[in-house]
Each structure stands twice: as C-alpha cells, then as structure tokens.
C-alpha atoms as a PDB file:
ATOM      1  CA  MET A   1      12.190  18.716  20.389  1.00  0.00           C
ATOM      2  CA  GLU A   2       9.762  17.331  17.778  1.00  0.00           C
ATOM      3  CA  GLY A   3       8.515  20.821  16.981  1.00  0.00           C
ATOM      4  CA  LEU A   4      12.058  22.073  16.468  1.00  0.00           C
ATOM      5  CA  ARG A   5      12.726  19.212  14.091  1.00  0.00           C
ATOM      6  CA  GLY A   6       9.554  20.028  12.193  1.00  0.00           C
ATOM      7  CA  PHE A   7      10.590  23.660  11.938  1.00  0.00           C
ATOM      8  CA  ALA A   8      14.073  22.643  10.757  1.00  0.00           C
ATOM      9  CA  VAL A   9      12.831  20.323   8.030  1.00  0.00           C
ATOM     10  CA  PHE A  10      10.331  22.919   6.790  1.00  0.00           C
ATOM     11  CA  LEU A  11      13.240  25.350   6.410  1.00  0.00           C
ATOM     12  CA  VAL A  12      15.010  22.730   4.292  1.00  0.00           C
ATOM     13  CA  PHE A  13      11.844  22.295   2.222  1.00  0.00           C
ATOM     14  CA  LEU A  14      11.918  26.030   1.438  1.00  0.00           C
ATOM     15  CA  VAL A  15      15.422  25.704  -0.025  1.00  0.00           C
ATOM     16  CA  HIS A  16      14.385  23.113  -2.590  1.00  0.00           C
ATOM     17  CA  TYR A  17      10.984  24.661  -3.229  1.00  0.00           C
ATOM     18  CA  VAL A  18      12.513  28.045  -4.096  1.00  0.00           C
ATOM     19  CA  THR A  19      15.117  26.383  -6.324  1.00  0.00           C
ATOM     20  CA  LEU A  20      12.460  24.603  -8.384  1.00  0.00           C
ATOM     21  CA  VAL A  21       9.820  27.351  -8.465  1.00  0.00           C
ATOM     22  CA  GLN A  22      12.139  30.097  -9.763  1.00  0.00           C
ATOM     23  CA  PRO A  23      11.255  29.589 -13.475  1.00  0.00           C
ATOM     24  CA  TRP A  24       7.703  30.648 -12.571  1.00  0.00           C
ATOM     25  CA  ILE A  25       8.805  33.871 -10.852  1.00  0.00           C
ATOM     26  CA  ASP A  26       9.194  37.116 -12.746  1.00  0.00           C
ATOM     27  CA  GLU A  27      12.850  38.142 -12.533  1.00  0.00           C
ATOM     28  CA  GLN A  28      11.832  41.741 -11.961  1.00  0.00           C
ATOM     29  CA  SER A  29       9.385  41.047  -9.140  1.00  0.00           C
ATOM     30  CA  VAL A  30       9.805  41.639  -5.427  1.00  0.00           C
ATOM     31  CA  VAL A  31       8.793  38.019  -4.911  1.00  0.00           C
ATOM     32  CA  LEU A  32      12.107  36.876  -6.382  1.00  0.00           C
ATOM     33  CA  VAL A  33      13.955  38.888  -3.740  1.00  0.00           C
ATOM     34  CA  LEU A  34      11.802  37.310  -1.031  1.00  0.00           C
ATOM     35  CA  ALA A  35      12.253  33.844  -2.517  1.00  0.00           C
ATOM     36  CA  THR A  36      16.033  34.282  -2.573  1.00  0.00           C
ATOM     37  CA  ALA A  37      15.945  35.328   1.080  1.00  0.00           C
ATOM     38  CA  LEU A  38      13.838  32.286   1.996  1.00  0.00           C
ATOM     39  CA  HIS A  39      16.305  30.062   0.160  1.00  0.00           C
ATOM     40  CA  THR A  40      19.186  31.467   2.202  1.00  0.00           C
ATOM     41  CA  ILE A  41      17.324  31.260   5.502  1.00  0.00           C
ATOM     42  CA  GLY A  42      16.147  27.753   4.683  1.00  0.00           C
ATOM     43  CA  ASN A  43      19.734  26.516   4.630  1.00  0.00           C
ATOM     44  CA  THR A  44      19.859  27.041   8.395  1.00  0.00           C
ATOM     45  CA  GLY A  45      17.488  24.125   8.898  1.00  0.00           C
ATOM     46  CA  VAL A  46      20.426  21.719   8.625  1.00  0.00           C
ATOM     47  CA  ASP A  47      22.333  23.719  11.249  1.00  0.00           C
ATOM     48  CA  LEU A  48      19.408  23.392  13.643  1.00  0.00           C
ATOM     49  CA  PHE A  49      19.413  19.635  13.058  1.00  0.00           C
ATOM     50  CA  PHE A  50      23.105  19.580  13.989  1.00  0.00           C
ATOM     51  CA  VAL A  51      22.397  21.439  17.238  1.00  0.00           C
ATOM     52  CA  LEU A  52      19.634  19.003  18.214  1.00  0.00           C
ATOM     53  CA  SER A  53      21.769  16.020  17.277  1.00  0.00           C
ATOM     54  CA  GLY A  54      24.680  17.353  19.315  1.00  0.00           C
ATOM     55  CA  TYR A  55      22.411  17.776  22.314  1.00  0.00           C
ATOM     56  CA  LEU A  56      20.810  14.330  22.115  1.00  0.00           C
ATOM     57  CA  ILE A  57      23.914  12.278  21.308  1.00  0.00           C
ATOM     58  CA  TYR A  58      26.146  14.029  23.825  1.00  0.00           C
ATOM     59  CA  SER A  59      23.486  13.818  26.554  1.00  0.00           C
ATOM     60  CA  SER A  60      23.308  10.067  26.035  1.00  0.00           C
ATOM     61  CA  LEU A  61      27.067   9.488  25.920  1.00  0.00           C
ATOM     62  CA  ILE A  62      28.104  11.732  28.804  1.00  0.00           C
ATOM     63  CA  ALA A  63      25.536  10.190  31.139  1.00  0.00           C
ATOM     64  CA  ARG A  64      27.096   6.722  31.211  1.00  0.00           C
ATOM     65  CA  PRO A  65      29.831   4.656  29.546  1.00  0.00           C
ATOM     66  CA  GLN A  66      28.686   2.799  26.446  1.00  0.00           C
ATOM     67  CA  LYS A  67      30.340   0.241  24.219  1.00  0.00           C
ATOM     68  CA  PHE A  68      31.429   1.997  21.058  1.00  0.00           C
ATOM     69  CA  THR A  69      30.292  -0.873  18.835  1.00  0.00           C
ATOM     70  CA  ARG A  70      26.834  -0.880  20.384  1.00  0.00           C
ATOM     71  CA  PHE A  71      26.550   2.888  20.092  1.00  0.00           C
ATOM     72  CA  MET A  72      27.561   2.853  16.414  1.00  0.00           C
ATOM     73  CA  SER A  73      25.280  -0.071  15.605  1.00  0.00           C
ATOM     74  CA  ARG A  74      22.366   1.958  16.970  1.00  0.00           C
ATOM     75  CA  ARG A  75      23.416   4.913  14.849  1.00  0.00           C
ATOM     76  CA  VAL A  76      23.569   2.709  11.756  1.00  0.00           C
ATOM     77  CA  GLN A  77      20.139   1.331  12.613  1.00  0.00           C
ATOM     78  CA  ARG A  78      18.840   4.878  12.890  1.00  0.00           C
ATOM     79  CA  ILE A  79      20.281   6.114   9.588  1.00  0.00           C
ATOM     80  CA  TYR A  80      20.347   3.300   7.056  1.00  0.00           C
ATOM     81  CA  PRO A  81      16.884   1.652   6.946  1.00  0.00           C
ATOM     82  CA  ALA A  82      15.259   4.794   5.521  1.00  0.00           C
ATOM     83  CA  PHE A  83      18.348   5.771   3.552  1.00  0.00           C
ATOM     84  CA  VAL A  84      18.663   2.507   1.606  1.00  0.00           C
ATOM     85  CA  PRO A  85      15.299   2.601  -0.259  1.00  0.00           C
ATOM     86  CA  VAL A  86      15.813   6.258  -1.141  1.00  0.00           C
ATOM     87  CA  PHE A  87      19.341   5.477  -2.332  1.00  0.00           C
ATOM     88  CA  LEU A  88      18.046   2.617  -4.497  1.00  0.00           C
ATOM     89  CA  ALA A  89      15.305   4.854  -5.904  1.00  0.00           C
ATOM     90  CA  TYR A  90      17.902   7.423  -6.957  1.00  0.00           C
ATOM     91  CA  VAL A  91      20.034   4.713  -8.574  1.00  0.00           C
ATOM     92  CA  ALA A  92      17.059   3.337 -10.507  1.00  0.00           C
ATOM     93  CA  LEU A  93      15.955   6.806 -11.635  1.00  0.00           C
ATOM     94  CA  SER A  94      19.504   7.566 -12.763  1.00  0.00           C
ATOM     95  CA  PHE A  95      19.163   4.795 -15.332  1.00  0.00           C
ATOM     96  CA  VAL A  96      15.609   5.779 -16.310  1.00  0.00           C
ATOM     97  CA  PHE A  97      16.600   9.438 -16.760  1.00  0.00           C
ATOM     98  CA  PRO A  98      20.285   9.334 -17.787  1.00  0.00           C
ATOM     99  CA  ALA A  99      20.345  13.073 -18.499  1.00  0.00           C
ATOM    100  CA  GLU A 100      19.711  13.683 -14.798  1.00  0.00           C
ATOM    101  CA  SER A 101      22.159  11.045 -13.595  1.00  0.00           C
ATOM    102  CA  LYS A 102      25.208  11.954 -11.518  1.00  0.00           C
ATOM    103  CA  ILE A 103      26.689   8.459 -11.821  1.00  0.00           C
ATOM    104  CA  PRO A 104      29.866   8.397 -13.987  1.00  0.00           C
ATOM    105  CA  ARG A 105      29.517   6.459 -17.233  1.00  0.00           C
ATOM    106  CA  SER A 106      32.635   4.388 -16.593  1.00  0.00           C
ATOM    107  CA  LEU A 107      31.748   1.129 -14.839  1.00  0.00           C
ATOM    108  CA  THR A 108      34.627   1.366 -12.381  1.00  0.00           C
ATOM    109  CA  GLU A 109      34.066   5.031 -11.626  1.00  0.00           C
ATOM    110  CA  GLY A 110      30.330   4.430 -11.324  1.00  0.00           C
ATOM    111  CA  ILE A 111      30.794   1.644  -8.778  1.00  0.00           C
ATOM    112  CA  VAL A 112      33.231   3.774  -6.770  1.00  0.00           C
ATOM    113  CA  TYR A 113      30.826   6.728  -6.859  1.00  0.00           C
ATOM    114  CA  LEU A 114      27.909   4.601  -5.667  1.00  0.00           C
ATOM    115  CA  ALA A 115      30.040   3.102  -2.899  1.00  0.00           C
ATOM    116  CA  GLN A 116      31.118   6.581  -1.789  1.00  0.00           C
ATOM    117  CA  ASN A 117      27.510   7.721  -1.617  1.00  0.00           C
ATOM    118  CA  PHE A 118      26.346   4.582   0.160  1.00  0.00           C
ATOM    119  CA  LEU A 119      29.072   5.074   2.770  1.00  0.00           C
ATOM    120  CA  LEU A 120      27.942   8.710   3.216  1.00  0.00           C
ATOM    121  CA  LEU A 121      31.270  10.246   2.228  1.00  0.00           C
ATOM    122  CA  PRO A 122      29.984  13.275   0.227  1.00  0.00           C
ATOM    123  CA  GLY A 123      30.036  16.326   2.454  1.00  0.00           C
ATOM    124  CA  LEU A 124      33.215  15.904   4.420  1.00  0.00           C
ATOM    125  CA  PHE A 125      34.928  14.875   1.192  1.00  0.00           C
ATOM    126  CA  PRO A 126      34.691  16.742  -2.145  1.00  0.00           C
ATOM    127  CA  ILE A 127      32.270  14.286  -3.716  1.00  0.00           C
ATOM    128  CA  ALA A 128      29.003  15.339  -5.357  1.00  0.00           C
ATOM    129  CA  PRO A 129      26.147  13.715  -3.395  1.00  0.00           C
ATOM    130  CA  MET A 130      23.701  11.688  -5.453  1.00  0.00           C
ATOM    131  CA  ILE A 131      20.988  12.494  -2.891  1.00  0.00           C
ATOM    132  CA  THR A 132      21.396  16.234  -2.537  1.00  0.00           C
ATOM    133  CA  VAL A 133      20.687  16.431   1.191  1.00  0.00           C
ATOM    134  CA  ALA A 134      22.814  13.400   2.095  1.00  0.00           C
ATOM    135  CA  TRP A 135      25.950  15.535   2.521  1.00  0.00           C
ATOM    136  CA  SER A 136      24.791  16.352   6.051  1.00  0.00           C
ATOM    137  CA  LEU A 137      24.773  12.657   6.981  1.00  0.00           C
ATOM    138  CA  SER A 138      28.555  12.569   6.573  1.00  0.00           C
ATOM    139  CA  TYR A 139      28.726  15.345   9.182  1.00  0.00           C
ATOM    140  CA  GLU A 140      26.459  13.319  11.446  1.00  0.00           C
ATOM    141  CA  PHE A 141      28.589  10.192  11.188  1.00  0.00           C
ATOM    142  CA  PHE A 142      31.781  12.182  11.751  1.00  0.00           C
ATOM    143  CA  PHE A 143      30.239  13.467  14.968  1.00  0.00           C
ATOM    144  CA  TYR A 144      29.135   9.955  15.961  1.00  0.00           C
ATOM    145  CA  LEU A 145      32.663   8.644  15.426  1.00  0.00           C
ATOM    146  CA  THR A 146      34.550  11.422  17.179  1.00  0.00           C
ATOM    147  CA  ILE A 147      32.506  12.493  20.204  1.00  0.00           C
ATOM    148  CA  PRO A 148      32.776   9.112  22.042  1.00  0.00           C
ATOM    149  CA  LEU A 149      36.559   9.269  21.557  1.00  0.00           C
ATOM    150  CA  VAL A 150      36.749  12.875  22.792  1.00  0.00           C
ATOM    151  CA  ILE A 151      34.783  11.947  25.913  1.00  0.00           C
ATOM    152  CA  VAL A 152      37.123   9.039  26.675  1.00  0.00           C
ATOM    153  CA  ILE A 153      40.434  10.693  25.752  1.00  0.00           C
ATOM    154  CA  PHE A 154      39.772  13.786  27.863  1.00  0.00           C
ATOM    155  CA  ASN A 155      38.009  11.833  30.626  1.00  0.00           C
ATOM    156  CA  LEU A 156      35.050  14.191  30.336  1.00  0.00           C
ATOM    157  CA  ARG A 157      32.679  12.191  32.521  1.00  0.00           C
ATOM    158  CA  GLN A 158      34.954  12.868  35.487  1.00  0.00           C
ATOM    159  CA  ARG A 159      35.250  16.579  34.750  1.00  0.00           C
ATOM    160  CA  SER A 160      33.070  19.321  36.153  1.00  0.00           C
ATOM    161  CA  VAL A 161      30.351  20.949  34.085  1.00  0.00           C
ATOM    162  CA  LEU A 162      32.333  24.199  34.041  1.00  0.00           C
ATOM    163  CA  TRP A 163      35.494  22.414  32.844  1.00  0.00           C
ATOM    164  CA  ARG A 164      33.616  20.703  30.018  1.00  0.00           C
ATOM    165  CA  ALA A 165      31.871  23.919  29.011  1.00  0.00           C
ATOM    166  CA  CYS A 166      35.196  25.789  28.868  1.00  0.00           C
ATOM    167  CA  PHE A 167      36.789  22.911  26.957  1.00  0.00           C
ATOM    168  CA  PHE A 168      34.125  22.801  24.255  1.00  0.00           C
ATOM    169  CA  SER A 169      33.887  26.603  24.049  1.00  0.00           C
ATOM    170  CA  SER A 170      37.641  26.834  23.491  1.00  0.00           C
ATOM    171  CA  LEU A 171      37.536  24.018  20.953  1.00  0.00           C
ATOM    172  CA  THR A 172      34.741  25.775  19.064  1.00  0.00           C
ATOM    173  CA  ALA A 173      36.518  29.127  19.036  1.00  0.00           C
ATOM    174  CA  MET A 174      39.744  27.566  17.740  1.00  0.00           C
ATOM    175  CA  THR A 175      37.862  25.579  15.084  1.00  0.00           C
ATOM    176  CA  MET A 176      35.991  28.640  13.870  1.00  0.00           C
ATOM    177  CA  ILE A 177      39.172  30.710  13.696  1.00  0.00           C
ATOM    178  CA  TYR A 178      40.971  27.974  11.785  1.00  0.00           C
ATOM    179  CA  CYS A 179      38.097  27.469   9.323  1.00  0.00           C
ATOM    180  CA  VAL A 180      37.784  31.191   8.674  1.00  0.00           C
ATOM    181  CA  ALA A 181      41.531  31.541   8.131  1.00  0.00           C
ATOM    182  CA  PHE A 182      42.291  28.365   6.202  1.00  0.00           C
ATOM    183  CA  GLY A 183      38.929  26.929   5.184  1.00  0.00           C
ATOM    184  CA  GLY A 184      37.202  23.858   6.520  1.00  0.00           C
ATOM    185  CA  HIS A 185      33.898  22.457   7.693  1.00  0.00           C
ATOM    186  CA  ILE A 186      32.905  25.279  10.008  1.00  0.00           C
ATOM    187  CA  ARG A 187      29.305  24.061  10.270  1.00  0.00           C
ATOM    188  CA  LEU A 188      30.529  21.107  12.324  1.00  0.00           C
ATOM    189  CA  THR A 189      30.736  23.555  15.224  1.00  0.00           C
ATOM    190  CA  MET A 190      26.935  23.613  15.365  1.00  0.00           C
ATOM    191  CA  PHE A 191      27.070  20.209  17.066  1.00  0.00           C
ATOM    192  CA  VAL A 192      28.935  21.893  19.907  1.00  0.00           C
ATOM    193  CA  ALA A 193      26.050  24.327  20.396  1.00  0.00           C
ATOM    194  CA  GLY A 194      23.993  21.253  21.307  1.00  0.00           C
ATOM    195  CA  ILE A 195      26.744  20.006  23.637  1.00  0.00           C
ATOM    196  CA  LEU A 196      26.892  23.362  25.422  1.00  0.00           C
ATOM    197  CA  LEU A 197      23.102  23.344  25.596  1.00  0.00           C
ATOM    198  CA  HIS A 198      23.258  20.092  27.561  1.00  0.00           C
ATOM    199  CA  GLU A 199      25.913  21.500  29.893  1.00  0.00           C
ATOM    200  CA  ALA A 200      23.948  24.716  30.453  1.00  0.00           C
ATOM    201  CA  ILE A 201      20.809  22.785  31.373  1.00  0.00           C
ATOM    202  CA  ASN A 202      22.762  20.284  33.463  1.00  0.00           C
ATOM    203  CA  SER A 203      24.543  22.988  35.450  1.00  0.00           C
ATOM    204  CA  ARG A 204      21.249  24.506  36.632  1.00  0.00           C
ATOM    205  CA  ARG A 205      23.149  27.762  37.039  1.00  0.00           C
ATOM    206  CA  VAL A 206      22.359  29.164  33.632  1.00  0.00           C
ATOM    207  CA  ALA A 207      18.984  30.879  33.605  1.00  0.00           C
ATOM    208  CA  ALA A 208      16.886  30.057  30.564  1.00  0.00           C
ATOM    209  CA  PRO A 209      15.925  33.238  28.699  1.00  0.00           C
ATOM    210  CA  GLY A 210      12.292  34.132  28.235  1.00  0.00           C
ATOM    211  CA  SER A 211      10.287  33.568  25.081  1.00  0.00           C
ATOM    212  CA  LEU A 212      10.665  37.128  23.815  1.00  0.00           C
ATOM    213  CA  VAL A 213      14.454  37.019  24.096  1.00  0.00           C
ATOM    214  CA  ALA A 214      14.523  33.616  22.388  1.00  0.00           C
ATOM    215  CA  PHE A 215      12.263  34.805  19.581  1.00  0.00           C
ATOM    216  CA  VAL A 216      14.420  37.886  18.984  1.00  0.00           C
ATOM    217  CA  ALA A 217      17.532  35.688  19.001  1.00  0.00           C
ATOM    218  CA  LEU A 218      15.966  33.341  16.444  1.00  0.00           C
ATOM    219  CA  VAL A 219      14.955  36.175  14.119  1.00  0.00           C
ATOM    220  CA  ALA A 220      18.349  37.858  14.487  1.00  0.00           C
ATOM    221  CA  GLY A 221      20.190  34.627  13.725  1.00  0.00           C
ATOM    222  CA  LEU A 222      18.116  33.915  10.633  1.00  0.00           C
ATOM    223  CA  LEU A 223      18.404  37.477   9.354  1.00  0.00           C
ATOM    224  CA  ALA A 224      22.167  37.420   9.914  1.00  0.00           C
ATOM    225  CA  THR A 225      22.415  34.876   7.099  1.00  0.00           C
ATOM    226  CA  LEU A 226      21.108  37.561   4.729  1.00  0.00           C
ATOM    227  CA  LEU A 227      23.992  39.948   5.406  1.00  0.00           C
ATOM    228  CA  PRO A 228      25.750  40.805   2.111  1.00  0.00           C
ATOM    229  CA  VAL A 229      29.080  39.316   3.159  1.00  0.00           C
ATOM    230  CA  THR A 230      30.549  36.158   1.692  1.00  0.00           C
ATOM    231  CA  GLY A 231      33.638  34.023   1.976  1.00  0.00           C
ATOM    232  CA  ALA A 232      35.679  33.916   5.162  1.00  0.00           C
ATOM    233  CA  LEU A 233      34.159  37.132   6.508  1.00  0.00           C
ATOM    234  CA  GLY A 234      30.658  35.810   5.920  1.00  0.00           C
ATOM    235  CA  SER A 235      31.448  32.587   7.803  1.00  0.00           C
ATOM    236  CA  ALA A 236      33.020  34.586  10.640  1.00  0.00           C
ATOM    237  CA  VAL A 237      29.762  36.498  11.096  1.00  0.00           C
ATOM    238  CA  LYS A 238      26.980  34.112  10.133  1.00  0.00           C
ATOM    239  CA  VAL A 239      28.032  30.838  11.760  1.00  0.00           C
ATOM    240  CA  PRO A 240      28.640  32.324  15.232  1.00  0.00           C
ATOM    241  CA  ALA A 241      25.352  34.225  14.937  1.00  0.00           C
ATOM    242  CA  LEU A 242      23.463  30.989  14.213  1.00  0.00           C
ATOM    243  CA  PHE A 243      25.421  29.197  16.945  1.00  0.00           C
ATOM    244  CA  VAL A 244      24.248  31.696  19.562  1.00  0.00           C
ATOM    245  CA  SER A 245      20.767  32.038  18.067  1.00  0.00           C
ATOM    246  CA  PHE A 246      19.900  28.345  18.144  1.00  0.00           C
ATOM    247  CA  PHE A 247      21.558  27.883  21.549  1.00  0.00           C
ATOM    248  CA  VAL A 248      19.412  30.636  23.078  1.00  0.00           C
ATOM    249  CA  LEU A 249      16.271  29.374  21.333  1.00  0.00           C
ATOM    250  CA  CYS A 250      16.671  25.783  22.540  1.00  0.00           C
ATOM    251  CA  LEU A 251      17.698  26.813  26.049  1.00  0.00           C
ATOM    252  CA  SER A 252      14.550  28.899  26.343  1.00  0.00           C
ATOM    253  CA  LEU A 253      12.234  26.217  24.954  1.00  0.00           C
ATOM    254  CA  PHE A 254      13.662  23.445  27.121  1.00  0.00           C
ATOM    255  CA  GLY A 255      13.826  25.683  30.193  1.00  0.00           C
ATOM    256  CA  HIS A 256      10.306  27.101  29.843  1.00  0.00           C
ATOM    257  CA  PRO A 257       8.201  24.340  28.241  1.00  0.00           C
ATOM    258  CA  ASP A 258       4.951  26.063  29.217  1.00  0.00           C
ATOM    259  CA  ALA A 259       5.827  29.487  27.797  1.00  0.00           C
ATOM    260  CA  TRP A 260       4.142  30.814  24.670  1.00  0.00           C
ATOM    261  CA  LEU A 261       7.082  30.147  22.347  1.00  0.00           C
ATOM    262  CA  ALA A 262       7.481  26.561  23.547  1.00  0.00           C
ATOM    263  CA  ARG A 263       3.741  26.027  23.069  1.00  0.00           C
ATOM    264  CA  ALA A 264       4.056  27.349  19.516  1.00  0.00           C
ATOM    265  CA  PHE A 265       6.789  24.817  18.783  1.00  0.00           C
ATOM    266  CA  SER A 266       4.596  22.137  20.360  1.00  0.00           C
ATOM    267  CA  TRP A 267       1.852  22.655  17.772  1.00  0.00           C
ATOM    268  CA  THR A 268       0.645  19.153  16.885  1.00  0.00           C
ATOM    269  CA  PRO A 269       1.159  19.318  13.075  1.00  0.00           C
ATOM    270  CA  LEU A 270       4.671  20.683  13.602  1.00  0.00           C
ATOM    271  CA  ARG A 271       5.459  17.892  16.065  1.00  0.00           C
ATOM    272  CA  TRP A 272       4.069  15.326  13.641  1.00  0.00           C
ATOM    273  CA  LEU A 273       6.308  16.685  10.885  1.00  0.00           C
ATOM    274  CA  GLY A 274       9.258  16.638  13.263  1.00  0.00           C
ATOM    275  CA  ASN A 275       8.602  13.048  14.225  1.00  0.00           C
ATOM    276  CA  MET A 276       8.966  11.980  10.585  1.00  0.00           C
ATOM    277  CA  SER A 277      11.564  14.634   9.744  1.00  0.00           C
ATOM    278  CA  TYR A 278      14.301  12.202   8.720  1.00  0.00           C
ATOM    279  CA  SER A 279      12.126  10.423   6.148  1.00  0.00           C
ATOM    280  CA  TYR A 280      10.879  13.792   4.940  1.00  0.00           C
ATOM    281  CA  TYR A 281      14.426  15.155   4.754  1.00  0.00           C
ATOM    282  CA  LEU A 282      15.619  12.267   2.593  1.00  0.00           C
ATOM    283  CA  LEU A 283      12.737  12.041   0.138  1.00  0.00           C
ATOM    284  CA  HIS A 284      11.088  15.454  -0.154  1.00  0.00           C
ATOM    285  CA  GLY A 285      13.555  16.712  -2.793  1.00  0.00           C
ATOM    286  CA  LEU A 286      12.741  13.863  -5.154  1.00  0.00           C
ATOM    287  CA  ALA A 287       9.021  14.262  -4.491  1.00  0.00           C
ATOM    288  CA  LEU A 288       9.253  17.994  -5.185  1.00  0.00           C
ATOM    289  CA  LYS A 289      11.044  17.522  -8.467  1.00  0.00           C
ATOM    290  CA  ALA A 290       8.502  14.962  -9.654  1.00  0.00           C
ATOM    291  CA  SER A 291       5.645  17.272  -8.635  1.00  0.00           C
ATOM    292  CA  PHE A 292       7.109  20.233 -10.510  1.00  0.00           C
ATOM    293  CA  LEU A 293       7.667  18.137 -13.633  1.00  0.00           C
ATOM    294  CA  ALA A 294       3.992  17.136 -13.524  1.00  0.00           C
ATOM    295  CA  PHE A 295       2.751  20.671 -12.843  1.00  0.00           C
ATOM    296  CA  ALA A 296       4.856  22.069 -15.680  1.00  0.00           C
ATOM    297  CA  ARG A 297       2.534  20.299 -18.103  1.00  0.00           C
ATOM    298  CA  PHE A 298      -0.419  22.339 -16.845  1.00  0.00           C
ATOM    299  CA  PHE A 299       1.365  25.529 -15.775  1.00  0.00           C
ATOM    300  CA  PRO A 300       4.239  26.240 -18.190  1.00  0.00           C
ATOM    301  CA  ALA A 301       7.092  28.279 -16.787  1.00  0.00           C
ATOM    302  CA  THR A 302       6.164  31.030 -19.256  1.00  0.00           C
ATOM    303  CA  GLU A 303       3.161  31.741 -17.018  1.00  0.00           C
ATOM    304  CA  GLN A 304       5.026  33.807 -14.470  1.00  0.00           C
ATOM    305  CA  GLY A 305       3.550  35.675 -11.551  1.00  0.00           C
ATOM    306  CA  SER A 306       3.915  36.222  -7.823  1.00  0.00           C
ATOM    307  CA  VAL A 307       0.589  34.497  -7.172  1.00  0.00           C
ATOM    308  CA  LEU A 308       1.961  31.202  -8.451  1.00  0.00           C
ATOM    309  CA  PHE A 309       4.799  31.322  -5.922  1.00  0.00           C
ATOM    310  CA  TRP A 310       2.357  31.443  -3.014  1.00  0.00           C
ATOM    311  CA  ALA A 311      -0.182  29.119  -4.632  1.00  0.00           C
ATOM    312  CA  PHE A 312       2.355  26.421  -5.380  1.00  0.00           C
ATOM    313  CA  LEU A 313       3.890  26.433  -1.906  1.00  0.00           C
ATOM    314  CA  PRO A 314       1.125  24.723   0.127  1.00  0.00           C
ATOM    315  CA  VAL A 315       0.263  22.439  -2.786  1.00  0.00           C
ATOM    316  CA  MET A 316       3.834  21.266  -3.237  1.00  0.00           C
ATOM    317  CA  PHE A 317       4.358  20.877   0.487  1.00  0.00           C
ATOM    318  CA  GLY A 318       1.222  18.748   0.681  1.00  0.00           C
ATOM    319  CA  LEU A 319       2.351  16.569  -2.205  1.00  0.00           C
ATOM    320  CA  THR A 320       5.724  15.923  -0.572  1.00  0.00           C
ATOM    321  CA  LEU A 321       3.959  14.621   2.535  1.00  0.00           C
ATOM    322  CA  ILE A 322       2.484  11.642   0.673  1.00  0.00           C
ATOM    323  CA  PRO A 323       5.628   9.640  -0.208  1.00  0.00           C
ATOM    324  CA  THR A 324       7.579  10.840   2.826  1.00  0.00           C
ATOM    325  CA  THR A 325       4.836   9.724   5.204  1.00  0.00           C
ATOM    326  CA  ALA A 326       4.729   6.374   3.436  1.00  0.00           C
ATOM    327  CA  LEU A 327       8.498   5.995   3.912  1.00  0.00           C
ATOM    328  CA  PHE A 328       8.199   6.883   7.579  1.00  0.00           C
ATOM    329  CA  LEU A 329       5.314   4.524   8.320  1.00  0.00           C
ATOM    330  CA  SER A 330       6.578   1.580   6.280  1.00  0.00           C
ATOM    331  CA  VAL A 331      10.330   1.781   6.914  1.00  0.00           C
ATOM    332  CA  GLU A 332      11.652   4.321   9.389  1.00  0.00           C
ATOM    333  CA  ARG A 333       9.225   3.826  12.261  1.00  0.00           C
ATOM    334  CA  PRO A 334       9.231  -0.001  12.314  1.00  0.00           C
ATOM    335  CA  LEU A 335      12.952  -0.445  11.547  1.00  0.00           C
ATOM    336  CA  SER A 336      14.694   2.566  13.078  1.00  0.00           C
ATOM    337  CA  LEU A 337      12.548   3.769  15.968  1.00  0.00           C
ATOM    338  CA  VAL A 338      11.951   0.513  17.777  1.00  0.00           C
ATOM    339  CA  ALA A 339      14.986   0.836  20.046  1.00  0.00           C
ATOM    340  CA  LYS A 340      14.706   3.169  22.993  1.00  0.00           C
ATOM    341  CA  GLY A 341      16.859   6.254  22.829  1.00  0.00           C
ATOM    342  CA  ASN A 342      16.889   6.719  19.046  1.00  0.00           C
END
C-alpha cells in the first residue's frame, strides 16, 4: 500500500516537473515527445490514489457501522492539518507575488474565492484551485460524504459479496455511460475500482493474477492514456482501461505479497515516499516552482538540451523532498496520523 502511494505521487511529480522544465527542452527534440508522454502518464497518479482511497475507506465502513459524525471528523483530521499551512503559504505568496496570484482583486470576490478553496470546492465545481492539486480533495470529500449513505440506504452490510459487486459494477457502468454521453466527473468511478478490489479479496473466490499479468496490465493501462483520442471517445477508452489496470495491479500485489512485483513496490524508499505522500502531494508543486525560479538564474532557458531534462529530474525531485518531509514530520504525522485507521 505504501509503495503504491509512493509510485502514485511520483507520477504526479512528473506532471509538474515536465510542465516547468519544458522551456529548457528543444522543441524539435525527441525528448519533448517523451516528456509530453510522461506528463500524460503522470496524470494517472491521482487515479491510483482514488483507487487506494476507495479500497481503504470502503473496507473500514463496510466492516462495521460507524457514526457518520465520527467518521467525518476523522476524515477532516486526516486532510486539514497539512492542508492549512500549505493553504496559508499560498495566500501569503499571492500577496508577495501578485502577478502569480489567482485571488480576485475585489475584496468580496477574494474572500469568497478563498472560502471556496478552503472548503475544497474546486474540482467538483468549476472553480480554479489556488493549490493546483487540491481539486482532487473535493473528489475525496465527495466520496467520504456519499459512500456511508450508499451503504446505509442500500443496506449493503446485509447483502452478499456478489450482490454488492454487481451493484457497484452496474453503478460504475451507468456512470461511465452517462459521463461519456453528457459529460461529468468520470474519474470518480476510480473509487469504485477500490471498492470492487475489497469485494474481490473478501470473496476469496477471485484468484489474484500473477506478477507478470499485473505488470502487463499496468503498462497497458498507462499506455492507453497516450492513445490519440480525446473528448468523450477518449474518456470511454482511457478511464475503463485505467480502472481495469489498477484493479488488476492491486489485486495481484495484495494477493501475492511475496511475489517479485509486490517486492518491487515494497522497496523501502518507495514506501517512505508513500508514507508521506499526502504532504508531498500538497507541497511539491510549490517547491518545484521555487526551485526552477532559482535554477533559471544559473541555467537560462535559452540553454536547451536533452541532457538538462534528465539532469534536472533527480535534482528537482531531491529538492522537493526537503520542504515536503518537513511538513510531514512537523504537521501531518503528529496531527493527522495519531488516530488508528487513518
């Protein structure tokens, strides 16, 4: 689980790294094509987070009845302690660098915008997020709010594993069809991949695929995002491909924890990154931008070359670890990870 989170957050890092390093890449080079592909693939890191979240939250809720207020208070405790200092840092920097600010100049509009961002509304609602990655947190909270109600309304704890699996599979298919036809937040269905993962493991009737099958599924899912199809057709192909890909990957890793692929995802540095993935997710974009602004003084963007793309990558990744680790150790771990089950 920790290794998967580390892998997911590194994919997200690639998105922002490629975005910021592009001025240093020759537009005619093959590296630009590769960088663009990495940017696209990197976007799937958020989808993997949704799958893992769906698995963990649903596993906890379906196992036993829980008071909704207690459940939500634990979710708030998990999300907000690390979010608040990053949010305040963005607000402060918006005033220091007004040209980069997303806050409206009008006092009333500015207050409303800040309130919307603090309440994690950008993402589900057409609001530009002040913290770029925070859009996904609105998806998370939507899932937190709805899945306890779905479990209660449909009496899912009293249903069989097969009934629940058919229910969520049908719900996913209908949601995907609707989103492709009329638009919508189709990536919310990735949470259901985690729900079905729990049901597959819980049933003990679904055989976990081997490492080779899981690896091929992972590669196929990631490469599917590079298909030259966009719009509704692109969503109809790419989202289901990722849904199946990450489901197969996780089922294999959890079912065969001693296999070679599971051992690869259990690599200690990857697990360490996964353990602090939320702090890293929130702050790495700001750290990257600051690092690139500093490096631009020594390596102007006019100095283009494929070597710089590869040379910058480990350096920039290392620099992002400094503030994100500090946030994790000083805020997230003591304030959000003290309660069991977070």
